[in-house]
């Protein structure tokens, strides 16, 4: 019985070590955090590692955005999207060009209007950010 308990303890320790490596690689695959005023954000998601890291980081950011171009036979992720986030009073809180199909923004609770422009075409969305919750917006052209 003691032998089985040791095996279980070793297996558990190995699983924990592997999980630690997985989390470390996810964090290292994330693009650098940028800031504008009081808003921090990450944009990217090019390549499998970075894309997976962005997906896993979504829950840490109150607002996440995904940018897609509709296509035949399939949709494709896009980058170089001009994004402007304005608060309820119309003040610009964030203005950037994306480095990939994802943008994660650490915005305070409130109501926002998000404008995304790709290939000369604009899409607008309203978003309510609630403290402790994550909200995703998908833009597709």
Protein backbone atom coordinates (compact mmCIF):
# COMPACT_ATOMS: atom_id res chain seq x y z
CA UNK A 1 0.00 0.00 0.00
CA UNK A 2 2.82 2.41 0.88
CA UNK A 3 4.43 1.62 -2.50
CA UNK A 4 1.23 2.63 -4.33
CA UNK A 5 0.99 5.83 -2.30
CA UNK A 6 4.57 6.74 -3.26
CA UNK A 7 3.80 6.05 -6.94
CA UNK A 8 0.74 8.26 -6.72
CA UNK A 9 2.76 11.01 -5.00
CA UNK A 10 5.46 10.82 -7.70
CA UNK A 11 2.86 10.87 -10.48
CA UNK A 12 1.16 13.84 -8.84
CA UNK A 13 4.46 15.69 -8.49
CA UNK A 14 5.30 15.04 -12.16
CA UNK A 15 1.86 16.23 -13.24
CA UNK A 16 2.33 19.41 -11.21
CA UNK A 17 5.77 20.00 -12.69
CA UNK A 18 4.42 19.46 -16.20
CA UNK A 19 1.54 21.86 -15.55
CA UNK A 20 4.01 24.44 -14.26
CA UNK A 21 6.02 24.16 -17.47
CA UNK A 22 2.82 24.46 -19.54
CA UNK A 23 1.81 27.63 -17.69
CA UNK A 24 5.31 29.07 -18.03
CA UNK A 25 5.32 28.43 -21.78
CA UNK A 26 1.87 30.01 -22.14
CA UNK A 27 3.05 33.16 -20.37
CA UNK A 28 6.24 33.31 -22.44
CA UNK A 29 4.22 32.88 -25.66
CA UNK A 30 2.10 35.96 -24.89
CA UNK A 31 2.96 39.18 -26.70
CA UNK A 32 4.22 42.05 -24.56
CA UNK A 33 1.64 43.96 -22.52
CA UNK A 34 1.19 47.51 -23.82
CA UNK A 35 -0.39 50.49 -22.08
CA UNK A 36 -2.27 53.59 -23.14
CA UNK A 37 -3.14 55.86 -20.27
CA UNK A 38 -4.63 53.60 -17.58
CA UNK A 39 -5.49 50.80 -20.03
CA UNK A 40 -3.22 47.80 -20.49
CA UNK A 41 -3.74 45.49 -23.45
CA UNK A 42 -2.24 42.69 -25.50
CA UNK A 43 -2.61 42.21 -29.22
CA UNK A 44 -1.39 39.27 -31.26
CA UNK A 45 -2.20 35.63 -31.79
CA UNK A 46 -0.01 34.86 -34.79
CA UNK A 47 1.12 31.24 -34.78
CA UNK A 48 -0.19 28.32 -32.78
CA UNK A 49 1.69 28.98 -29.50
CA UNK A 50 0.79 32.66 -29.37
CA UNK A 51 -2.81 31.97 -30.41
CA UNK A 52 -3.25 29.37 -27.66
CA UNK A 53 -1.63 31.67 -25.11
CA UNK A 54 -4.01 34.50 -26.07
CA UNK A 55 -7.04 32.20 -25.76
CA UNK A 56 -5.90 31.09 -22.29
CA UNK A 57 -5.27 34.69 -21.19
CA UNK A 58 -8.75 35.87 -22.24
CA UNK A 59 -10.26 35.15 -18.84
CA UNK A 60 -7.78 37.58 -17.22
CA UNK A 61 -9.01 40.50 -19.34
CA UNK A 62 -12.47 42.07 -19.05
CA UNK A 63 -12.75 42.58 -22.83
CA UNK A 64 -11.42 40.34 -25.56
CA UNK A 65 -11.82 40.84 -29.29
CA UNK A 66 -11.39 38.47 -32.20
CA UNK A 67 -11.05 39.62 -35.82
CA UNK A 68 -12.04 37.40 -38.75
CA UNK A 69 -12.48 37.79 -42.49
CA UNK A 70 -15.30 35.68 -43.89
CA UNK A 71 -14.13 33.53 -46.74
CA UNK A 72 -14.85 30.62 -48.92
CA UNK A 73 -14.17 27.86 -48.23
CA UNK A 74 -13.37 29.07 -44.68
CA UNK A 75 -12.99 32.13 -42.50
CA UNK A 76 -9.50 33.45 -41.76
CA UNK A 77 -8.06 35.39 -38.86
CA UNK A 78 -6.87 38.91 -39.69
CA UNK A 79 -4.42 41.44 -38.28
CA UNK A 80 -3.79 45.15 -38.88
CA UNK A 81 -7.27 46.05 -37.64
CA UNK A 82 -7.65 49.66 -36.46
CA UNK A 83 -9.47 49.52 -33.10
CA UNK A 84 -10.90 52.43 -31.12
CA UNK A 85 -12.59 51.96 -27.75
CA UNK A 86 -14.61 54.89 -26.40
CA UNK A 87 -16.31 55.20 -23.03
CA UNK A 88 -19.91 56.25 -22.48
CA UNK A 89 -18.92 59.95 -22.60
CA UNK A 90 -17.21 59.48 -25.98
CA UNK A 91 -13.67 59.70 -24.61
CA UNK A 92 -11.15 57.47 -26.40
CA UNK A 93 -9.80 54.91 -23.94
CA UNK A 94 -7.81 52.82 -26.40
CA UNK A 95 -6.70 53.31 -29.99
CA UNK A 96 -4.40 50.80 -31.69
CA UNK A 97 -3.67 48.69 -34.74
CA UNK A 98 -3.72 44.98 -33.96
CA UNK A 99 -0.68 42.74 -34.37
CA UNK A 100 -2.87 39.67 -34.82
CA UNK A 101 -6.45 38.41 -34.63
CA UNK A 102 -6.78 38.96 -30.86
CA UNK A 103 -6.91 42.03 -28.69
CA UNK A 104 -7.29 41.68 -24.92
CA UNK A 105 -8.00 44.89 -23.01
CA UNK A 106 -7.99 45.53 -19.27
CA UNK A 107 -10.79 48.09 -19.11
CA UNK A 108 -12.57 49.27 -15.96
CA UNK A 109 -16.23 48.40 -15.52
CA UNK A 110 -18.47 50.53 -17.74
CA UNK A 111 -20.12 50.86 -21.13
CA UNK A 112 -18.03 51.18 -24.26
CA UNK A 113 -18.37 51.56 -28.00
CA UNK A 114 -15.79 49.63 -30.00
CA UNK A 115 -15.02 50.46 -33.61
CA UNK A 116 -12.90 48.10 -35.69
CA UNK A 117 -11.81 48.92 -39.24
CA UNK A 118 -10.34 46.32 -41.57
CA UNK A 119 -9.66 46.79 -45.28
CA UNK A 120 -11.58 50.07 -45.22
CA UNK A 121 -14.73 48.50 -43.70
CA UNK A 122 -15.91 49.49 -40.22
CA UNK A 123 -17.76 47.37 -37.68
CA UNK A 124 -19.11 48.84 -34.43
CA UNK A 125 -20.12 47.05 -31.25
CA UNK A 126 -21.35 48.08 -27.82
CA UNK A 127 -19.85 46.36 -24.82
CA UNK A 128 -20.67 46.44 -21.15
CA UNK A 129 -17.68 45.52 -19.01
CA UNK A 130 -18.54 44.09 -15.60
CA UNK A 131 -15.90 43.71 -12.88
CA UNK A 132 -14.76 40.12 -12.48
CA UNK A 133 -16.31 38.96 -15.77
CA UNK A 134 -14.91 38.52 -19.24
CA UNK A 135 -16.69 39.71 -22.38
CA UNK A 136 -15.81 38.68 -25.95
CA UNK A 137 -16.58 40.62 -29.12
CA UNK A 138 -16.17 39.02 -32.53
CA UNK A 139 -15.75 41.22 -35.59
CA UNK A 140 -16.20 39.58 -38.99
CA UNK A 141 -15.97 41.16 -42.41
